[in-house]
Amino acid sequence: MYQAREIVKRQNGEINSLISHIEHEIHINAIIQKKLSDCLLKVISQARSSQLLEIKIELQQALLEYNNNLKEE
């Protein structure tokens, strides 16, 4: 979560394009998972999707904190 806060702070809260990129990667990964027949590759792909989703959630939470801190100042 610390890294997400630092990214949001460095970008002054402008992370929409980054989140959009992550969502695009998750979508592409889902398409790839559907086409994979090898179970091991599917598991690896699912793990990557989970990591991307976790990063996206952490960035969104950090953005909410950032925006709340701006309102308090």
PDB file of N, CA and C in Angstrom:
ATOM      1  N   MET A   1       0.823  -1.190   0.000  1.00  0.00           N
ATOM      2  CA  MET A   1       0.000   0.000   0.000  1.00  0.00           C
ATOM      3  C   MET A   1       0.874   1.263   0.000  1.00  0.00           C
ATOM      4  N   TYR A   2       2.042   1.155   0.644  1.00  0.00           N
ATOM      5  CA  TYR A   2       2.950   2.300   0.693  1.00  0.00           C
ATOM      6  C   TYR A   2       3.339   2.747  -0.711  1.00  0.00           C
ATOM      7  N   GLN A   3       3.644   1.787  -1.573  1.00  0.00           N
ATOM      8  CA  GLN A   3       4.043   2.123  -2.940  1.00  0.00           C
ATOM      9  C   GLN A   3       2.906   2.801  -3.689  1.00  0.00           C
ATOM     10  N   ALA A   4       1.694   2.342  -3.476  1.00  0.00           N
ATOM     11  CA  ALA A   4       0.538   2.947  -4.141  1.00  0.00           C
ATOM     12  C   ALA A   4       0.380   4.399  -3.698  1.00  0.00           C
ATOM     13  N   ARG A   5       0.550   4.645  -2.407  1.00  0.00           N
ATOM     14  CA  ARG A   5       0.453   6.028  -1.898  1.00  0.00           C
ATOM     15  C   ARG A   5       1.516   6.920  -2.539  1.00  0.00           C
ATOM     16  N   GLU A   6       2.727   6.386  -2.645  1.00  0.00           N
ATOM     17  CA  GLU A   6       3.817   7.155  -3.248  1.00  0.00           C
ATOM     18  C   GLU A   6       3.539   7.457  -4.720  1.00  0.00           C
ATOM     19  N   ILE A   7       3.010   6.492  -5.440  1.00  0.00           N
ATOM     20  CA  ILE A   7       2.684   6.700  -6.859  1.00  0.00           C
ATOM     21  C   ILE A   7       1.625   7.777  -7.001  1.00  0.00           C
ATOM     22  N   VAL A   8       0.573   7.690  -6.193  1.00  0.00           N
ATOM     23  CA  VAL A   8      -0.508   8.681  -6.259  1.00  0.00           C
ATOM     24  C   VAL A   8       0.028  10.063  -5.905  1.00  0.00           C
ATOM     25  N   LYS A   9       0.854  10.131  -4.875  1.00  0.00           N
ATOM     26  CA  LYS A   9       1.421  11.416  -4.452  1.00  0.00           C
ATOM     27  C   LYS A   9       2.299  12.011  -5.550  1.00  0.00           C
ATOM     28  N   ARG A  10       3.162  11.176  -6.143  1.00  0.00           N
ATOM     29  CA  ARG A  10       4.048  11.652  -7.215  1.00  0.00           C
ATOM     30  C   ARG A  10       3.263  12.151  -8.421  1.00  0.00           C
ATOM     31  N   GLN A  11       2.133  11.513  -8.687  1.00  0.00           N
ATOM     32  CA  GLN A  11       1.322  11.878  -9.851  1.00  0.00           C
ATOM     33  C   GLN A  11       0.266  12.932  -9.514  1.00  0.00           C
ATOM     34  N   ASN A  12       0.305  13.458  -8.299  1.00  0.00           N
ATOM     35  CA  ASN A  12      -0.669  14.455  -7.849  1.00  0.00           C
ATOM     36  C   ASN A  12      -2.102  13.980  -8.056  1.00  0.00           C
ATOM     37  N   GLY A  13      -2.328  12.704  -7.824  1.00  0.00           N
ATOM     38  CA  GLY A  13      -3.668  12.142  -7.932  1.00  0.00           C
ATOM     39  C   GLY A  13      -4.114  11.815  -9.342  1.00  0.00           C
ATOM     40  N   GLU A  14      -3.273  12.079 -10.316  1.00  0.00           N
ATOM     41  CA  GLU A  14      -3.635  11.830 -11.720  1.00  0.00           C
ATOM     42  C   GLU A  14      -3.196  10.426 -12.129  1.00  0.00           C
ATOM     43  N   ILE A  15      -3.992   9.432 -11.753  1.00  0.00           N
ATOM     44  CA  ILE A  15      -3.624   8.046 -12.057  1.00  0.00           C
ATOM     45  C   ILE A  15      -4.674   7.342 -12.915  1.00  0.00           C
ATOM     46  N   ASN A  16      -5.600   8.088 -13.481  1.00  0.00           N
ATOM     47  CA  ASN A  16      -6.652   7.468 -14.295  1.00  0.00           C
ATOM     48  C   ASN A  16      -6.088   6.664 -15.457  1.00  0.00           C
ATOM     49  N   SER A  17      -5.077   7.188 -16.128  1.00  0.00           N
ATOM     50  CA  SER A  17      -4.511   6.453 -17.265  1.00  0.00           C
ATOM     51  C   SER A  17      -3.806   5.182 -16.796  1.00  0.00           C
ATOM     52  N   LEU A  18      -3.178   5.231 -15.636  1.00  0.00           N
ATOM     53  CA  LEU A  18      -2.526   4.047 -15.083  1.00  0.00           C
ATOM     54  C   LEU A  18      -3.559   2.974 -14.735  1.00  0.00           C
ATOM     55  N   ILE A  19      -4.641   3.364 -14.096  1.00  0.00           N
ATOM     56  CA  ILE A  19      -5.701   2.415 -13.750  1.00  0.00           C
ATOM     57  C   ILE A  19      -6.338   1.857 -15.013  1.00  0.00           C
ATOM     58  N   SER A  20      -6.535   2.698 -15.998  1.00  0.00           N
ATOM     59  CA  SER A  20      -7.096   2.241 -17.269  1.00  0.00           C
ATOM     60  C   SER A  20      -6.180   1.209 -17.924  1.00  0.00           C
ATOM     61  N   HIS A  21      -4.889   1.458 -17.869  1.00  0.00           N
ATOM     62  CA  HIS A  21      -3.915   0.516 -18.432  1.00  0.00           C
ATOM     63  C   HIS A  21      -3.971  -0.829 -17.696  1.00  0.00           C
ATOM     64  N   ILE A  22      -4.065  -0.785 -16.386  1.00  0.00           N
ATOM     65  CA  ILE A  22      -4.150  -2.019 -15.595  1.00  0.00           C
ATOM     66  C   ILE A  22      -5.424  -2.782 -15.945  1.00  0.00           C
ATOM     67  N   GLU A  23      -6.549  -2.064 -16.074  1.00  0.00           N
ATOM     68  CA  GLU A  23      -7.806  -2.714 -16.449  1.00  0.00           C
ATOM     69  C   GLU A  23      -7.693  -3.375 -17.817  1.00  0.00           C
ATOM     70  N   HIS A  24      -7.009  -2.712 -18.738  1.00  0.00           N
ATOM     71  CA  HIS A  24      -6.793  -3.267 -20.075  1.00  0.00           C
ATOM     72  C   HIS A  24      -5.963  -4.553 -19.993  1.00  0.00           C
ATOM     73  N   GLU A  25      -4.920  -4.538 -19.183  1.00  0.00           N
ATOM     74  CA  GLU A  25      -4.078  -5.724 -18.997  1.00  0.00           C
ATOM     75  C   GLU A  25      -4.877  -6.878 -18.397  1.00  0.00           C
ATOM     76  N   ILE A  26      -5.748  -6.578 -17.434  1.00  0.00           N
ATOM     77  CA  ILE A  26      -6.588  -7.613 -16.831  1.00  0.00           C
ATOM     78  C   ILE A  26      -7.507  -8.215 -17.887  1.00  0.00           C
ATOM     79  N   HIS A  27      -8.077  -7.372 -18.727  1.00  0.00           N
ATOM     80  CA  HIS A  27      -8.972  -7.837 -19.789  1.00  0.00           C
ATOM     81  C   HIS A  27      -8.229  -8.744 -20.779  1.00  0.00           C
ATOM     82  N   ILE A  28      -7.058  -8.307 -21.205  1.00  0.00           N
ATOM     83  CA  ILE A  28      -6.257  -9.108 -22.137  1.00  0.00           C
ATOM     84  C   ILE A  28      -5.892 -10.447 -21.494  1.00  0.00           C
ATOM     85  N   ASN A  29      -5.527 -10.398 -20.234  1.00  0.00           N
ATOM     86  CA  ASN A  29      -5.175 -11.622 -19.520  1.00  0.00           C
ATOM     87  C   ASN A  29      -6.357 -12.588 -19.461  1.00  0.00           C
ATOM     88  N   ALA A  30      -7.560 -12.068 -19.282  1.00  0.00           N
ATOM     89  CA  ALA A  30      -8.758 -12.921 -19.248  1.00  0.00           C
ATOM     90  C   ALA A  30      -8.976 -13.600 -20.597  1.00  0.00           C
ATOM     91  N   ILE A  31      -8.752 -12.870 -21.668  1.00  0.00           N
ATOM     92  CA  ILE A  31      -8.889 -13.447 -23.014  1.00  0.00           C
ATOM     93  C   ILE A  31      -7.861 -14.558 -23.216  1.00  0.00           C
ATOM     94  N   ILE A  32      -6.638 -14.303 -22.796  1.00  0.00           N
ATOM     95  CA  ILE A  32      -5.577 -15.304 -22.925  1.00  0.00           C
ATOM     96  C   ILE A  32      -5.923 -16.550 -22.111  1.00  0.00           C
ATOM     97  N   GLN A  33      -6.446 -16.354 -20.898  1.00  0.00           N
ATOM     98  CA  GLN A  33      -6.805 -17.492 -20.046  1.00  0.00           C
ATOM     99  C   GLN A  33      -7.829 -18.393 -20.722  1.00  0.00           C
ATOM    100  N   LYS A  34      -8.791 -17.796 -21.417  1.00  0.00           N
ATOM    101  CA  LYS A  34      -9.823 -18.583 -22.097  1.00  0.00           C
ATOM    102  C   LYS A  34      -9.225 -19.457 -23.193  1.00  0.00           C
ATOM    103  N   LYS A  35      -8.165 -18.984 -23.824  1.00  0.00           N
ATOM    104  CA  LYS A  35      -7.578 -19.699 -24.956  1.00  0.00           C
ATOM    105  C   LYS A  35      -6.508 -20.712 -24.544  1.00  0.00           C
ATOM    106  N   LEU A  36      -6.053 -20.636 -23.308  1.00  0.00           N
ATOM    107  CA  LEU A  36      -5.001 -21.547 -22.851  1.00  0.00           C
ATOM    108  C   LEU A  36      -5.578 -22.923 -22.552  1.00  0.00           C
ATOM    109  N   SER A  37      -4.866 -23.940 -22.983  1.00  0.00           N
ATOM    110  CA  SER A  37      -5.285 -25.305 -22.664  1.00  0.00           C
ATOM    111  C   SER A  37      -4.408 -25.912 -21.569  1.00  0.00           C
ATOM    112  N   ASP A  38      -3.210 -25.403 -21.413  1.00  0.00           N
ATOM    113  CA  ASP A  38      -2.276 -25.898 -20.403  1.00  0.00           C
ATOM    114  C   ASP A  38      -2.693 -25.367 -19.026  1.00  0.00           C
ATOM    115  N   CYS A  39      -2.975 -26.267 -18.099  1.00  0.00           N
ATOM    116  CA  CYS A  39      -3.443 -25.875 -16.764  1.00  0.00           C
ATOM    117  C   CYS A  39      -2.419 -25.026 -16.012  1.00  0.00           C
ATOM    118  N   LEU A  40      -1.143 -25.358 -16.141  1.00  0.00           N
ATOM    119  CA  LEU A  40      -0.108 -24.598 -15.449  1.00  0.00           C
ATOM    120  C   LEU A  40      -0.073 -23.156 -15.953  1.00  0.00           C
ATOM    121  N   LEU A  41      -0.167 -22.977 -17.267  1.00  0.00           N
ATOM    122  CA  LEU A  41      -0.173 -21.623 -17.820  1.00  0.00           C
ATOM    123  C   LEU A  41      -1.415 -20.857 -17.377  1.00  0.00           C
ATOM    124  N   LYS A  42      -2.546 -21.544 -17.260  1.00  0.00           N
ATOM    125  CA  LYS A  42      -3.768 -20.894 -16.777  1.00  0.00           C
ATOM    126  C   LYS A  42      -3.586 -20.407 -15.342  1.00  0.00           C
ATOM    127  N   VAL A  43      -2.980 -21.236 -14.519  1.00  0.00           N
ATOM    128  CA  VAL A  43      -2.750 -20.862 -13.119  1.00  0.00           C
ATOM    129  C   VAL A  43      -1.831 -19.650 -13.041  1.00  0.00           C
ATOM    130  N   ILE A  44      -0.780 -19.650 -13.836  1.00  0.00           N
ATOM    131  CA  ILE A  44       0.149 -18.518 -13.863  1.00  0.00           C
ATOM    132  C   ILE A  44      -0.574 -17.258 -14.329  1.00  0.00           C
ATOM    133  N   SER A  45      -1.383 -17.385 -15.349  1.00  0.00           N
ATOM    134  CA  SER A  45      -2.130 -16.252 -15.878  1.00  0.00           C
ATOM    135  C   SER A  45      -3.138 -15.734 -14.854  1.00  0.00           C
ATOM    136  N   GLN A  46      -3.795 -16.641 -14.142  1.00  0.00           N
ATOM    137  CA  GLN A  46      -4.751 -16.233 -13.112  1.00  0.00           C
ATOM    138  C   GLN A  46      -4.043 -15.518 -11.967  1.00  0.00           C
ATOM    139  N   ALA A  47      -2.860 -15.982 -11.615  1.00  0.00           N
ATOM    140  CA  ALA A  47      -2.086 -15.334 -10.558  1.00  0.00           C
ATOM    141  C   ALA A  47      -1.714 -13.915 -10.976  1.00  0.00           C
ATOM    142  N   ARG A  48      -1.345 -13.742 -12.235  1.00  0.00           N
ATOM    143  CA  ARG A  48      -1.005 -12.409 -12.746  1.00  0.00           C
ATOM    144  C   ARG A  48      -2.227 -11.498 -12.691  1.00  0.00           C
ATOM    145  N   SER A  49      -3.375 -12.017 -13.076  1.00  0.00           N
ATOM    146  CA  SER A  49      -4.611 -11.234 -13.023  1.00  0.00           C
ATOM    147  C   SER A  49      -4.922 -10.817 -11.589  1.00  0.00           C
ATOM    148  N   SER A  50      -4.729 -11.725 -10.658  1.00  0.00           N
ATOM    149  CA  SER A  50      -4.974 -11.419  -9.243  1.00  0.00           C
ATOM    150  C   SER A  50      -4.044 -10.317  -8.756  1.00  0.00           C
ATOM    151  N   GLN A  51      -2.782 -10.397  -9.154  1.00  0.00           N
ATOM    152  CA  GLN A  51      -1.821  -9.369  -8.752  1.00  0.00           C
ATOM    153  C   GLN A  51      -2.190  -8.012  -9.340  1.00  0.00           C
ATOM    154  N   LEU A  52      -2.580  -8.000 -10.610  1.00  0.00           N
ATOM    155  CA  LEU A  52      -2.979  -6.742 -11.246  1.00  0.00           C
ATOM    156  C   LEU A  52      -4.203  -6.148 -10.561  1.00  0.00           C
ATOM    157  N   LEU A  53      -5.159  -6.986 -10.220  1.00  0.00           N
ATOM    158  CA  LEU A  53      -6.363  -6.513  -9.545  1.00  0.00           C
ATOM    159  C   LEU A  53      -6.024  -5.951  -8.168  1.00  0.00           C
ATOM    160  N   GLU A  54      -5.118  -6.603  -7.467  1.00  0.00           N
ATOM    161  CA  GLU A  54      -4.690  -6.119  -6.158  1.00  0.00           C
ATOM    162  C   GLU A  54      -4.004  -4.761  -6.282  1.00  0.00           C
ATOM    163  N   ILE A  55      -3.163  -4.598  -7.282  1.00  0.00           N
ATOM    164  CA  ILE A  55      -2.488  -3.314  -7.515  1.00  0.00           C
ATOM    165  C   ILE A  55      -3.511  -2.234  -7.819  1.00  0.00           C
ATOM    166  N   LYS A  56      -4.476  -2.552  -8.667  1.00  0.00           N
ATOM    167  CA  LYS A  56      -5.518  -1.586  -9.025  1.00  0.00           C
ATOM    168  C   LYS A  56      -6.285  -1.138  -7.783  1.00  0.00           C
ATOM    169  N   ILE A  57      -6.666  -2.085  -6.937  1.00  0.00           N
ATOM    170  CA  ILE A  57      -7.416  -1.757  -5.721  1.00  0.00           C
ATOM    171  C   ILE A  57      -6.580  -0.890  -4.788  1.00  0.00           C
ATOM    172  N   GLU A  58      -5.312  -1.225  -4.617  1.00  0.00           N
ATOM    173  CA  GLU A  58      -4.434  -0.428  -3.755  1.00  0.00           C
ATOM    174  C   GLU A  58      -4.284   0.994  -4.286  1.00  0.00           C
ATOM    175  N   LEU A  59      -4.157   1.141  -5.594  1.00  0.00           N
ATOM    176  CA  LEU A  59      -4.046   2.479  -6.182  1.00  0.00           C
ATOM    177  C   LEU A  59      -5.331   3.274  -5.972  1.00  0.00           C
ATOM    178  N   GLN A  60      -6.469   2.627  -6.138  1.00  0.00           N
ATOM    179  CA  GLN A  60      -7.739   3.319  -5.944  1.00  0.00           C
ATOM    180  C   GLN A  60      -7.922   3.733  -4.485  1.00  0.00           C
ATOM    181  N   GLN A  61      -7.529   2.872  -3.549  1.00  0.00           N
ATOM    182  CA  GLN A  61      -7.612   3.220  -2.134  1.00  0.00           C
ATOM    183  C   GLN A  61      -6.680   4.384  -1.807  1.00  0.00           C
ATOM    184  N   ALA A  62      -5.488   4.341  -2.355  1.00  0.00           N
ATOM    185  CA  ALA A  62      -4.531   5.423  -2.126  1.00  0.00           C
ATOM    186  C   ALA A  62      -5.048   6.729  -2.711  1.00  0.00           C
ATOM    187  N   LEU A  63      -5.717   6.652  -3.851  1.00  0.00           N
ATOM    188  CA  LEU A  63      -6.287   7.852  -4.462  1.00  0.00           C
ATOM    189  C   LEU A  63      -7.394   8.428  -3.581  1.00  0.00           C
ATOM    190  N   LEU A  64      -8.226   7.576  -3.011  1.00  0.00           N
ATOM    191  CA  LEU A  64      -9.271   8.048  -2.095  1.00  0.00           C
ATOM    192  C   LEU A  64      -8.658   8.751  -0.891  1.00  0.00           C
ATOM    193  N   GLU A  65      -7.617   8.158  -0.310  1.00  0.00           N
ATOM    194  CA  GLU A  65      -6.925   8.779   0.820  1.00  0.00           C
ATOM    195  C   GLU A  65      -6.337  10.129   0.418  1.00  0.00           C
ATOM    196  N   TYR A  66      -5.718  10.166  -0.748  1.00  0.00           N
ATOM    197  CA  TYR A  66      -5.100  11.394  -1.252  1.00  0.00           C
ATOM    198  C   TYR A  66      -6.154  12.493  -1.397  1.00  0.00           C
ATOM    199  N   ASN A  67      -7.281  12.147  -2.013  1.00  0.00           N
ATOM    200  CA  ASN A  67      -8.348  13.133  -2.211  1.00  0.00           C
ATOM    201  C   ASN A  67      -8.949  13.583  -0.884  1.00  0.00           C
ATOM    202  N   ASN A  68      -9.099  12.673   0.071  1.00  0.00           N
ATOM    203  CA  ASN A  68      -9.607  13.047   1.396  1.00  0.00           C
ATOM    204  C   ASN A  68      -8.642  13.982   2.105  1.00  0.00           C
ATOM    205  N   ASN A  69      -7.352  13.722   1.983  1.00  0.00           N
ATOM    206  CA  ASN A  69      -6.352  14.598   2.597  1.00  0.00           C
ATOM    207  C   ASN A  69      -6.375  15.987   1.977  1.00  0.00           C
ATOM    208  N   LEU A  70      -6.608  16.066   0.670  1.00  0.00           N
ATOM    209  CA  LEU A  70      -6.698  17.372   0.016  1.00  0.00           C
ATOM    210  C   LEU A  70      -7.891  18.160   0.532  1.00  0.00           C
ATOM    211  N   LYS A  71      -9.004  17.480   0.749  1.00  0.00           N
ATOM    212  CA  LYS A  71     -10.212  18.145   1.252  1.00  0.00           C
ATOM    213  C   LYS A  71     -10.011  18.670   2.664  1.00  0.00           C
ATOM    214  N   GLU A  72      -9.233  17.942   3.471  1.00  0.00           N
ATOM    215  CA  GLU A  72      -8.995  18.338   4.856  1.00  0.00           C
ATOM    216  C   GLU A  72      -8.059  19.531   4.966  1.00  0.00           C
ATOM    217  N   GLU A  73      -7.228  19.743   3.963  1.00  0.00           N
ATOM    218  CA  GLU A  73      -6.243  20.844   4.021  1.00  0.00           C
ATOM    219  C   GLU A  73      -6.856  22.167   3.729  1.00  0.00           C
TER     220      GLU A  73
END
